[in-house]
Amino acid sequence: MHRRFPILVTLALLSAALPAQTPHTIRIEPLRNEKWWGLFAGGGPAQPFAAPFDSSDCDSCGTFAIPFMISSGGRMMWSSAPADVVFDGSLFTVTPSGTQPTVAKGGRTLREAYLYCVHKYAWPKGTAPARHPFMRPVYDTGLSETLIAAGGTALLAAADSITAHGYPPGLLLIPDGWQDHSGEGGLDRNLYASFRDTADELTRRGFDVMFTVTPYIPAAGQRYIEARRKGMLLKDAEGRPAIIRLPSGYYACLDVTLPEVTAYFGELLDNLRKEGITALRFDCHRALDILPPGERTERYLTAWAALGERYGAAMYPLAEQTQTQWRPYSVALSPEISWESMRRALTDAIHAGLTGYIYPYLSLTSSAGHCSDETMLLRAVQLALFMPIAAVPPDGSLFPTGTCRKEMEKAVGLRMEMNGYMEELLQEAGTTGEPLMRHMEYQFPGQGFWDCTDQYMLGSRYLVAPVLDDTGRRTVRLPRGTWISADGTRYKGPRVINVDVSDGSIPLFRLR
């Protein structure tokens, strides 16, 4: 698990202040029936917070801290400086390292607290992610090792295979490995002799391509020697180039905080634009394995994010890239798909929305090819399909025949029917900063949903209840209102229903 950073947030009393131990120590006691969320973009202690934790616990749990927290009672806090946080189960004790946090009454509900905090302190006005990853399936070709090896020819074959299996055209996501590290650093001409022709043909077939950009270069060869000589590489504790082991070999990592490295990437990305490549995914998460904790890492990630923004990066893979909080990021499953990993991924995605990571998507890159249980894989793909970005395996043969293939095609069809709605959500989120995947308590306050983490609202209209076990039944908690299922059945909430999902379907309800 990747190392993350210390907690950045602080909490304080909203009403009458309690006596402080030191000038910088702040305490907050949750009010009766008040629940608190925040701090963590993924992983970490269960939310709303109930079990004790402290900073040392959180440093080792593989999570990243976010500088605000919100409550079901409408209270919020925002901190612009790091702090140590301790929660004993009934009281938060916080020691800021610099400026004091801001605490206020943002309203009476979780949603009102979120909107108050985000718009007053965090929302980068006028920003919005690229539209295209949200409108069609994103086929992550990292699941197929042969695609990179075969280059443009394999991309065309993959596109044909996708449509031949009954799936719609979409965005082909190309992992790292396309670069020519021996020459100018552009496309490897052995793989992509004429990428412009390939791109034009893919466009004719209804597909677009997104390339993954990373700061890694092979730890051998002329480019490595030159980068080492010029001091352009991240170094280990002994002052030697730090080496990262990837599936394709050993790599060094360029130091993007240096102007000469930024210039190198600028030239590389300008060359990609000339090839007609404008959709980019920026991924530097393995650099976290070799970066020291603290300010050095912050500077690196800030520089990487700035580079991505400059060249229009459409997706980022991880929440810990702090400056990309308002950009799509992925929630990854464990190396092997399991019911537990799916439950955890869903919980992380829902909670991430409460910390400003409003465009999560599920990455199946490292796990789908290792799942031999067709039913479990179907449920994992369905989970991915109904997140804001529908990132799915490009290999249609994963579901060769029978019920699973039928339900996969049906789920993809349902998701594509929602494209108009997704576009509305994107426009709305670009103005409000609201999460696309919403905690049930966020959308329906005071109806007892504070502990509900196995279903969510996609915007304000659709309730999605992913299937997270193999029992063939799915319990769904419907809030007040009239709800219409995918098959047209109407339900009057509030009520709890048990849905038969033995046919492979996923419960999806629209609020009338």
Protein backbone atom coordinates (compact mmCIF):
# COMPACT_ATOMS: atom_id res chain seq x y z
CA MET A 1 0.00 0.00 0.00
CA HIS A 2 1.33 3.45 -0.89
CA ARG A 3 2.55 5.68 1.88
CA ARG A 4 0.45 8.78 2.38
CA PHE A 5 0.79 12.03 4.32
CA PRO A 6 0.05 13.21 7.86
CA ILE A 7 -3.38 14.54 8.71
CA LEU A 8 -3.92 18.14 7.62
CA VAL A 9 -7.17 19.04 9.29
CA THR A 10 -8.31 20.50 12.57
CA LEU A 11 -11.56 20.69 14.41
CA ALA A 12 -12.82 23.29 16.87
CA LEU A 13 -15.82 24.21 18.94
CA LEU A 14 -18.50 26.13 17.11
CA SER A 15 -20.31 27.49 20.11
CA ALA A 16 -18.91 28.33 23.53
CA ALA A 17 -15.20 27.47 23.62
CA LEU A 18 -13.89 24.90 26.08
CA PRO A 19 -10.77 25.72 28.08
CA ALA A 20 -7.67 25.11 25.96
CA GLN A 21 -4.61 23.26 27.22
CA THR A 22 -2.29 25.50 25.19
CA PRO A 23 -2.86 28.51 22.95
CA HIS A 24 -2.96 26.21 19.94
CA THR A 25 -4.88 23.22 21.30
CA ILE A 26 -8.50 23.04 20.19
CA ARG A 27 -11.22 20.62 21.18
CA ILE A 28 -14.62 19.75 19.81
CA GLU A 29 -17.27 17.57 21.34
CA PRO A 30 -19.90 16.28 18.89
CA LEU A 31 -23.42 17.34 19.79
CA ARG A 32 -26.18 14.85 20.53
CA ASN A 33 -26.84 12.70 17.43
CA GLU A 34 -24.32 14.73 15.44
CA LYS A 35 -22.10 12.74 13.07
CA TRP A 36 -18.84 13.89 11.50
CA TRP A 37 -17.26 13.05 8.14
CA GLY A 38 -14.14 14.26 6.37
CA LEU A 39 -10.36 14.17 6.78
CA PHE A 40 -9.84 11.17 4.51
CA ALA A 41 -10.26 10.85 0.74
CA GLY A 42 -10.13 7.07 1.00
CA GLY A 43 -9.46 4.39 3.58
CA GLY A 44 -8.81 5.41 7.15
CA PRO A 45 -11.16 5.06 10.12
CA ALA A 46 -14.80 4.19 9.55
CA GLN A 47 -17.07 7.16 8.91
CA PRO A 48 -18.94 8.84 10.41
CA PHE A 49 -16.23 8.83 13.05
CA ALA A 50 -16.94 6.67 16.07
CA ALA A 51 -13.81 4.66 16.90
CA PRO A 52 -10.77 6.38 18.45
CA PHE A 53 -7.83 7.29 16.21
CA ASP A 54 -4.80 9.55 16.22
CA SER A 55 -2.28 10.83 13.72
CA SER A 56 0.09 7.89 14.08
CA ASP A 57 -2.73 5.44 13.42
CA CYS A 58 -3.70 7.30 10.28
CA ASP A 59 -0.16 7.60 8.95
CA SER A 60 0.02 3.81 8.84
CA CYS A 61 -3.45 3.06 7.51
CA GLY A 62 -2.72 4.09 3.93
CA THR A 63 -4.98 7.10 3.66
CA PHE A 64 -4.66 10.74 2.75
CA ALA A 65 -5.94 13.57 4.89
CA ILE A 66 -8.04 16.44 3.57
CA PRO A 67 -8.24 19.85 5.28
CA PHE A 68 -11.92 20.00 6.09
CA MET A 69 -14.61 18.20 8.01
CA ILE A 70 -18.40 18.47 8.01
CA SER A 71 -21.20 17.27 10.27
CA SER A 72 -24.80 16.13 9.95
CA GLY A 73 -25.73 19.11 12.14
CA GLY A 74 -24.42 21.61 9.59
CA ARG A 75 -21.14 22.42 11.31
CA MET A 76 -17.88 22.58 9.37
CA MET A 77 -14.21 23.25 9.80
CA TRP A 78 -11.47 24.29 7.41
CA SER A 79 -7.73 24.29 8.05
CA SER A 80 -5.01 25.72 5.84
CA ALA A 81 -2.16 24.31 7.93
CA PRO A 82 -1.15 20.82 9.11
CA ALA A 83 -2.23 19.62 12.55
CA ASP A 84 -2.13 16.61 14.84
CA VAL A 85 -5.58 15.13 15.39
CA VAL A 86 -6.64 12.76 18.17
CA PHE A 87 -10.15 11.38 18.61
CA ASP A 88 -10.87 9.40 21.78
CA GLY A 89 -14.35 8.33 20.72
CA SER A 90 -16.14 11.32 22.19
CA LEU A 91 -13.81 14.30 21.81
CA PHE A 92 -11.52 15.59 19.07
CA THR A 93 -8.29 17.18 20.28
CA VAL A 94 -6.33 19.10 17.67
CA THR A 95 -2.98 20.84 17.79
CA PRO A 96 -2.44 23.10 14.76
CA SER A 97 1.08 23.67 13.51
CA GLY A 98 0.44 27.16 12.19
CA THR A 99 -2.68 29.15 11.43
CA GLN A 100 -5.78 28.37 13.40
CA PRO A 101 -8.61 26.56 11.62
CA THR A 102 -11.92 28.16 10.76
CA VAL A 103 -15.05 26.62 12.25
CA ALA A 104 -18.57 27.78 11.46
CA LYS A 105 -22.20 26.86 11.30
CA GLY A 106 -22.77 26.31 7.61
CA GLY A 107 -26.41 25.29 7.89
CA ARG A 108 -28.47 22.51 9.43
CA THR A 109 -27.49 19.51 7.30
CA LEU A 110 -24.45 17.69 5.95
CA ARG A 111 -25.04 19.10 2.49
CA GLU A 112 -25.36 22.68 3.73
CA ALA A 113 -22.15 22.33 5.74
CA TYR A 114 -20.33 20.96 2.68
CA LEU A 115 -21.51 23.72 0.36
CA TYR A 116 -20.68 26.45 2.86
CA CYS A 117 -17.18 25.12 3.47
CA VAL A 118 -16.37 24.39 -0.16
CA HIS A 119 -17.57 27.70 -1.54
CA LYS A 120 -16.00 29.81 1.16
CA TYR A 121 -12.61 28.11 1.37
CA ALA A 122 -11.92 25.40 -1.19
CA TRP A 123 -13.77 25.60 -4.50
CA PRO A 124 -11.56 26.62 -7.47
CA LYS A 125 -14.11 28.70 -9.33
CA GLY A 126 -14.27 28.33 -13.08
CA THR A 127 -12.71 24.87 -13.22
CA ALA A 128 -14.31 21.79 -14.70
CA PRO A 129 -12.89 18.49 -15.93
CA ALA A 130 -12.81 17.45 -19.56
CA ARG A 131 -16.22 16.22 -20.63
CA HIS A 132 -15.35 13.22 -22.79
CA PRO A 133 -14.43 10.62 -20.10
CA PHE A 134 -17.90 10.99 -18.57
CA MET A 135 -20.00 10.54 -21.68
CA ARG A 136 -18.86 7.10 -22.89
CA PRO A 137 -17.21 3.98 -21.48
CA VAL A 138 -13.50 4.32 -20.77
CA TYR A 139 -11.91 1.06 -21.90
CA ASP A 140 -8.76 0.64 -19.84
CA THR A 141 -6.39 -1.17 -22.20
CA GLY A 142 -3.94 -1.70 -19.35
CA LEU A 143 -5.83 -4.95 -18.85
CA SER A 144 -4.31 -6.29 -22.07
CA GLU A 145 -0.52 -6.65 -22.15
CA THR A 146 -0.54 -7.28 -25.89
CA LEU A 147 -2.02 -3.90 -26.77
CA ILE A 148 1.11 -1.95 -25.97
CA ALA A 149 3.36 -4.51 -27.64
CA ALA A 150 1.37 -4.35 -30.88
CA GLY A 151 0.77 -0.59 -30.91
CA GLY A 152 -1.67 1.00 -33.33
CA THR A 153 -2.67 -2.24 -35.02
CA ALA A 154 -3.82 -3.68 -31.70
CA LEU A 155 -5.80 -0.53 -30.90
CA LEU A 156 -7.84 -0.99 -34.04
CA ALA A 157 -8.32 -4.68 -33.25
CA ALA A 158 -9.40 -3.81 -29.70
CA ALA A 159 -11.94 -1.33 -31.01
CA ASP A 160 -13.36 -3.96 -33.36
CA SER A 161 -13.52 -6.53 -30.55
CA ILE A 162 -15.39 -4.14 -28.27
CA THR A 163 -18.11 -3.38 -30.79
CA ALA A 164 -18.26 -7.02 -31.94
CA HIS A 165 -19.19 -8.03 -28.39
CA GLY A 166 -22.09 -5.59 -28.40
CA TYR A 167 -20.51 -2.72 -26.45
CA PRO A 168 -20.60 0.91 -27.63
CA PRO A 169 -17.56 2.84 -28.87
CA GLY A 170 -15.75 4.77 -26.17
CA LEU A 171 -12.42 6.09 -24.96
CA LEU A 172 -9.39 3.77 -25.21
CA LEU A 173 -7.08 4.41 -22.24
CA ILE A 174 -3.45 3.61 -23.10
CA PRO A 175 -1.12 2.87 -20.17
CA ASP A 176 2.50 3.95 -19.97
CA GLY A 177 4.86 2.28 -22.45
CA TRP A 178 4.17 4.18 -25.67
CA GLN A 179 7.19 6.50 -25.41
CA ASP A 180 10.40 6.40 -27.39
CA HIS A 181 12.94 6.75 -24.58
CA SER A 182 15.92 6.49 -26.92
CA GLY A 183 15.02 9.43 -29.14
CA GLU A 184 13.03 12.60 -28.60
CA GLY A 185 10.68 10.99 -26.13
CA GLY A 186 7.61 11.04 -28.36
CA LEU A 187 5.67 8.07 -29.68
CA ASP A 188 7.63 4.89 -30.21
CA ARG A 189 7.61 4.60 -34.00
CA ASN A 190 8.13 0.85 -33.79
CA LEU A 191 4.67 0.69 -32.20
CA TYR A 192 2.95 3.68 -33.78
CA ALA A 193 4.44 4.19 -37.22
CA SER A 194 1.66 6.58 -38.21
CA PHE A 195 -0.49 7.32 -35.22
CA ARG A 196 -2.34 10.12 -36.98
CA ASP A 197 -3.74 7.57 -39.43
CA THR A 198 -4.63 5.24 -36.55
CA ALA A 199 -6.36 8.06 -34.67
CA ASP A 200 -8.34 9.06 -37.75
CA GLU A 201 -9.49 5.47 -38.27
CA LEU A 202 -10.47 5.11 -34.60
CA THR A 203 -12.46 8.35 -34.85
CA ARG A 204 -14.25 6.98 -37.89
CA ARG A 205 -15.23 3.95 -35.77
CA GLY A 206 -16.43 6.17 -32.94
CA PHE A 207 -13.44 5.83 -30.59
CA ASP A 208 -11.05 8.30 -29.01
CA VAL A 209 -7.69 7.62 -27.34
CA MET A 210 -6.29 8.81 -24.02
CA PHE A 211 -2.57 8.35 -23.29
CA THR A 212 -1.11 7.92 -19.81
CA VAL A 213 1.75 10.29 -18.99
CA THR A 214 4.18 9.36 -16.21
CA PRO A 215 7.49 10.82 -14.95
CA TYR A 216 9.34 7.48 -15.27
CA ILE A 217 12.18 6.63 -17.67
CA PRO A 218 14.00 3.27 -18.04
CA ALA A 219 16.95 3.03 -15.63
CA ALA A 220 19.35 2.36 -18.51
CA GLY A 221 20.21 3.84 -21.88
CA GLN A 222 21.20 7.23 -23.20
CA ARG A 223 18.21 9.15 -21.87
CA TYR A 224 18.83 7.84 -18.34
CA ILE A 225 22.54 8.67 -18.54
CA GLU A 226 21.80 12.19 -19.73
CA ALA A 227 19.12 12.79 -17.09
CA ARG A 228 21.42 11.49 -14.35
CA ARG A 229 24.30 13.68 -15.52
CA LYS A 230 22.06 16.77 -15.47
CA GLY A 231 20.64 15.99 -12.01
CA MET A 232 17.09 15.59 -13.34
CA LEU A 233 16.19 12.47 -11.33
CA LEU A 234 14.73 11.92 -7.87
CA LYS A 235 17.38 10.58 -5.51
CA ASP A 236 17.37 8.13 -2.62
CA ALA A 237 18.74 8.77 0.88
CA GLU A 238 22.30 8.08 -0.33
CA GLY A 239 22.05 10.63 -3.12
CA ARG A 240 21.79 8.07 -5.92
CA PRO A 241 18.95 7.96 -8.48
CA ALA A 242 15.96 6.29 -6.84
CA ILE A 243 14.79 3.22 -8.75
CA ILE A 244 11.20 2.03 -9.09
CA ARG A 245 10.37 -1.53 -10.06
CA LEU A 246 7.46 -1.73 -12.49
CA PRO A 247 6.01 -4.79 -14.27
CA SER A 248 7.95 -3.86 -17.41
CA GLY A 249 11.32 -3.32 -15.69
CA TYR A 250 13.29 -0.87 -13.57
CA TYR A 251 12.73 2.87 -13.89
CA ALA A 252 14.08 6.16 -12.57
CA CYS A 253 11.77 9.07 -11.84
CA LEU A 254 12.19 12.56 -13.25
CA ASP A 255 12.06 15.42 -10.75
CA VAL A 256 9.24 17.57 -12.10
CA THR A 257 9.99 20.38 -9.64
CA LEU A 258 13.01 21.29 -11.81
CA PRO A 259 12.51 23.79 -14.67
CA GLU A 260 14.54 21.66 -17.09
CA VAL A 261 12.29 18.66 -16.43
CA THR A 262 9.18 20.77 -16.91
CA ALA A 263 10.64 21.96 -20.22
CA TYR A 264 11.29 18.35 -21.25
CA PHE A 265 7.68 17.39 -20.55
CA GLY A 266 6.47 20.48 -22.35
CA GLU A 267 8.33 19.39 -25.48
CA LEU A 268 7.02 15.83 -25.13
CA LEU A 269 3.41 16.90 -24.72
CA ASP A 270 3.64 19.46 -27.51
CA ASN A 271 4.78 16.63 -29.78
CA LEU A 272 1.78 14.55 -28.71
CA ARG A 273 -0.54 17.39 -29.63
CA LYS A 274 1.00 17.45 -33.10
CA GLU A 275 0.08 13.77 -33.38
CA GLY A 276 -3.52 14.61 -32.58
CA ILE A 277 -3.37 13.35 -28.98
CA THR A 278 -5.18 15.74 -26.66
CA ALA A 279 -6.72 13.42 -24.03
CA LEU A 280 -4.22 12.72 -21.26
CA ARG A 281 -4.15 10.82 -17.98
CA PHE A 282 -1.44 12.00 -15.57
CA ASP A 283 -0.12 9.28 -13.24
CA CYS A 284 2.79 9.69 -10.82
CA HIS A 285 1.56 7.49 -7.97
CA ARG A 286 4.63 5.23 -7.90
CA ALA A 287 6.76 8.28 -7.18
CA LEU A 288 5.20 8.23 -3.71
CA ASP A 289 7.20 5.08 -3.01
CA ILE A 290 10.48 6.99 -3.22
CA LEU A 291 9.57 10.54 -2.20
CA PRO A 292 10.27 11.52 1.42
CA PRO A 293 7.23 12.57 3.47
CA GLY A 294 6.41 16.20 4.04
CA GLU A 295 7.06 19.36 2.08
CA ARG A 296 9.24 17.70 -0.57
CA THR A 297 6.39 15.42 -1.60
CA GLU A 298 3.89 18.28 -1.52
CA ARG A 299 6.07 20.31 -3.89
CA TYR A 300 6.46 17.38 -6.25
CA LEU A 301 2.76 16.63 -6.45
CA THR A 302 1.92 20.30 -6.83
CA ALA A 303 4.35 20.61 -9.74
CA TRP A 304 2.98 17.43 -11.34
CA ALA A 305 -0.60 18.64 -11.03
CA ALA A 306 0.32 22.05 -12.46
CA LEU A 307 1.88 20.33 -15.45
CA GLY A 308 -1.26 18.29 -15.93
CA GLU A 309 -3.47 21.36 -15.74
CA ARG A 310 -1.29 23.16 -18.26
CA TYR A 311 -1.77 20.38 -20.79
CA GLY A 312 -5.39 19.59 -20.06
CA ALA A 313 -5.10 16.32 -18.16
CA ALA A 314 -8.52 14.70 -18.11
CA MET A 315 -7.89 12.10 -15.40
CA TYR A 316 -5.63 11.52 -12.41
CA PRO A 317 -5.31 8.12 -10.74
CA LEU A 318 -5.05 8.96 -7.04
CA ALA A 319 -6.59 11.23 -4.45
CA GLU A 320 -3.29 12.07 -2.80
CA GLN A 321 -2.36 14.35 -5.67
CA THR A 322 -3.46 17.27 -3.55
CA GLN A 323 -3.85 19.91 -6.24
CA THR A 324 -6.14 17.64 -8.29
CA GLN A 325 -8.89 17.47 -5.70
CA TRP A 326 -11.45 18.73 -8.20
CA ARG A 327 -10.38 16.32 -10.94
CA PRO A 328 -11.33 12.69 -11.63
CA TYR A 329 -9.35 10.16 -9.60
CA SER A 330 -9.51 6.41 -9.27
CA VAL A 331 -10.50 4.13 -6.44
CA ALA A 332 -8.57 0.90 -6.97
CA LEU A 333 -9.60 -2.59 -5.97
CA SER A 334 -7.14 -4.95 -4.35
CA PRO A 335 -5.05 -7.08 -6.76
CA GLU A 336 -7.76 -9.72 -6.64
CA ILE A 337 -11.43 -8.82 -6.90
CA SER A 338 -13.43 -9.84 -3.84
CA TRP A 339 -16.74 -8.89 -2.29
CA GLU A 340 -14.89 -7.16 0.54
CA SER A 341 -12.69 -5.13 -1.82
CA MET A 342 -15.77 -3.99 -3.73
CA ARG A 343 -17.52 -2.92 -0.53
CA ARG A 344 -14.44 -1.01 0.56
CA ALA A 345 -14.01 0.67 -2.83
CA LEU A 346 -17.64 1.81 -2.82
CA THR A 347 -17.35 3.19 0.72
CA ASP A 348 -14.14 5.03 -0.19
CA ALA A 349 -15.72 6.57 -3.29
CA ILE A 350 -18.78 7.78 -1.37
CA HIS A 351 -16.73 9.27 1.46
CA ALA A 352 -14.28 10.87 -0.98
CA GLY A 353 -17.14 12.97 -2.29
CA LEU A 354 -17.55 14.52 1.14
CA THR A 355 -13.95 15.77 1.01
CA GLY A 356 -14.16 17.40 -2.42
CA TYR A 357 -13.09 14.48 -4.61
CA ILE A 358 -16.27 14.69 -6.59
CA TYR A 359 -15.44 12.63 -9.71
CA PRO A 360 -14.34 9.15 -8.56
CA TYR A 361 -14.04 6.17 -10.86
CA LEU A 362 -13.17 2.53 -10.20
CA SER A 363 -9.93 1.14 -11.61
CA LEU A 364 -10.08 -2.55 -12.56
CA THR A 365 -6.73 -2.53 -14.34
CA SER A 366 -4.82 -4.79 -11.97
CA SER A 367 -7.64 -7.06 -10.89
CA ALA A 368 -10.11 -7.99 -13.65
CA GLY A 369 -7.72 -10.32 -15.42
CA HIS A 370 -7.20 -12.28 -12.19
CA CYS A 371 -10.87 -12.92 -11.43
CA SER A 372 -12.11 -16.39 -12.38
CA ASP A 373 -15.58 -15.87 -10.87
CA GLU A 374 -17.68 -14.52 -13.75
CA THR A 375 -20.51 -13.39 -11.47
CA MET A 376 -18.17 -11.50 -9.15
CA LEU A 377 -16.47 -9.85 -12.11
CA LEU A 378 -19.85 -8.80 -13.49
CA ARG A 379 -20.67 -7.11 -10.19
CA ALA A 380 -17.31 -5.34 -10.16
CA VAL A 381 -17.85 -4.03 -13.69
CA GLN A 382 -21.39 -2.91 -12.81
CA LEU A 383 -19.95 -1.07 -9.81
CA ALA A 384 -17.52 0.70 -12.14
CA LEU A 385 -20.15 1.46 -14.78
CA PHE A 386 -22.37 3.56 -12.52
CA MET A 387 -19.61 5.69 -11.06
CA PRO A 388 -19.17 9.14 -12.67
CA ILE A 389 -16.62 7.74 -15.14
CA ALA A 390 -17.49 4.28 -16.46
CA ALA A 391 -14.04 2.66 -16.67
CA VAL A 392 -14.52 -0.93 -17.84
CA PRO A 393 -12.40 -3.78 -19.25
CA PRO A 394 -12.02 -3.69 -23.04
CA ASP A 395 -12.04 -7.47 -23.28
CA GLY A 396 -15.57 -8.48 -24.23
CA SER A 397 -14.59 -12.14 -23.95
CA LEU A 398 -14.60 -11.81 -20.15
CA PHE A 399 -18.33 -12.50 -20.44
CA PRO A 400 -18.50 -14.95 -23.35
CA THR A 401 -22.09 -16.18 -23.10
CA GLY A 402 -25.17 -16.52 -20.96
CA THR A 403 -26.66 -14.37 -18.23
CA CYS A 404 -23.54 -12.41 -17.34
CA ARG A 405 -22.98 -11.20 -20.89
CA LYS A 406 -26.64 -10.25 -21.24
CA GLU A 407 -26.61 -8.29 -17.98
CA MET A 408 -23.30 -6.64 -18.86
CA GLU A 409 -24.76 -5.41 -22.15
CA LYS A 410 -27.90 -4.27 -20.33
CA ALA A 411 -25.91 -2.35 -17.70
CA VAL A 412 -23.80 -0.63 -20.36
CA GLY A 413 -27.00 0.32 -22.18
CA LEU A 414 -28.55 1.78 -19.03
CA ARG A 415 -25.43 3.80 -18.35
CA MET A 416 -25.35 5.19 -21.89
CA GLU A 417 -29.02 6.20 -21.59
CA MET A 418 -27.96 8.42 -18.69
CA ASN A 419 -25.48 10.47 -20.76
CA GLY A 420 -27.78 13.48 -21.01
CA TYR A 421 -28.25 13.40 -17.25
CA MET A 422 -24.49 13.03 -16.68
CA GLU A 423 -23.88 16.11 -18.79
CA GLU A 424 -26.34 18.04 -16.63
CA LEU A 425 -24.51 16.83 -13.51
CA LEU A 426 -21.14 17.91 -14.89
CA GLN A 427 -22.41 21.39 -15.65
CA GLU A 428 -23.96 21.62 -12.21
CA ALA A 429 -20.85 20.32 -10.44
CA GLY A 430 -18.70 22.82 -12.32
CA THR A 431 -20.69 25.57 -10.62
CA THR A 432 -21.56 24.11 -7.23
CA GLY A 433 -18.66 21.75 -6.48
CA GLU A 434 -21.13 19.08 -5.37
CA PRO A 435 -20.10 15.42 -5.62
CA LEU A 436 -21.62 13.37 -8.41
CA MET A 437 -21.70 10.29 -6.15
CA ARG A 438 -23.55 11.40 -3.02
CA HIS A 439 -23.86 9.89 0.42
CA MET A 440 -27.50 9.11 1.18
CA GLU A 441 -27.35 11.32 4.29
CA TYR A 442 -26.04 14.16 2.11
CA GLN A 443 -29.04 14.03 -0.23
CA PHE A 444 -31.71 12.94 2.27
CA PRO A 445 -30.85 14.43 5.68
CA GLY A 446 -32.63 13.30 8.82
CA GLN A 447 -34.02 10.09 7.32
CA GLY A 448 -31.63 7.71 9.08
CA PHE A 449 -29.08 7.26 6.30
CA TRP A 450 -25.98 8.34 8.23
CA ASP A 451 -24.74 4.73 8.40
CA CYS A 452 -25.63 3.79 4.79
CA THR A 453 -22.51 3.11 2.71
CA ASP A 454 -23.66 0.35 0.35
CA GLN A 455 -25.88 2.51 -1.88
CA TYR A 456 -25.64 6.08 -3.10
CA MET A 457 -27.26 8.80 -5.14
CA LEU A 458 -25.88 9.65 -8.56
CA GLY A 459 -26.72 13.32 -8.45
CA SER A 460 -30.15 14.05 -7.02
CA ARG A 461 -32.19 11.78 -9.27
CA TYR A 462 -30.79 8.22 -9.41
CA LEU A 463 -30.33 5.78 -6.54
CA VAL A 464 -27.74 3.08 -7.30
CA ALA A 465 -27.51 -0.07 -5.16
CA PRO A 466 -24.54 -2.14 -6.38
CA VAL A 467 -24.68 -5.86 -5.63
CA LEU A 468 -21.89 -6.69 -3.20
CA ASP A 469 -22.45 -10.37 -2.39
CA ASP A 470 -23.63 -13.60 -4.04
CA THR A 471 -26.87 -14.16 -2.10
CA GLY A 472 -29.10 -13.31 -5.08
CA ARG A 473 -31.01 -10.72 -2.99
CA ARG A 474 -30.36 -7.01 -2.47
CA THR A 475 -31.82 -4.97 0.36
CA VAL A 476 -32.44 -1.37 -0.70
CA ARG A 477 -33.45 1.51 1.58
CA LEU A 478 -35.66 3.98 -0.28
CA PRO A 479 -36.02 7.56 1.04
CA ARG A 480 -39.25 9.52 0.93
CA GLY A 481 -40.71 9.96 -2.54
CA THR A 482 -41.80 7.88 -5.50
CA TRP A 483 -39.10 5.66 -6.95
CA ILE A 484 -39.21 3.95 -10.36
CA SER A 485 -37.00 0.91 -10.95
CA ALA A 486 -35.31 0.03 -14.25
CA ASP A 487 -38.20 -2.31 -15.11
CA GLY A 488 -40.81 0.40 -14.46
CA THR A 489 -42.03 -0.79 -11.04
CA ARG A 490 -43.02 2.05 -8.70
CA TYR A 491 -42.29 2.18 -4.99
CA LYS A 492 -43.44 4.71 -2.43
CA GLY A 493 -40.80 5.61 0.13
CA PRO A 494 -39.70 5.61 2.80
CA ARG A 495 -39.48 1.84 2.83
CA VAL A 496 -37.04 -1.05 2.73
CA ILE A 497 -37.37 -3.49 -0.17
CA ASN A 498 -35.67 -6.77 -1.03
CA VAL A 499 -34.84 -7.05 -4.71
CA ASP A 500 -34.26 -10.34 -6.52
CA VAL A 501 -30.92 -9.94 -8.32
CA SER A 502 -30.30 -13.60 -9.09
CA ASP A 503 -30.63 -12.76 -12.80
CA GLY A 504 -27.50 -10.57 -12.62
CA SER A 505 -29.32 -7.22 -12.65
CA ILE A 506 -28.25 -4.17 -10.63
CA PRO A 507 -30.93 -2.23 -8.70
CA LEU A 508 -31.30 1.25 -10.14
CA PHE A 509 -34.10 3.65 -9.17
CA ARG A 510 -35.14 7.05 -10.48
CA LEU A 511 -36.78 9.60 -8.22
CA ARG A 512 -40.01 10.77 -9.81
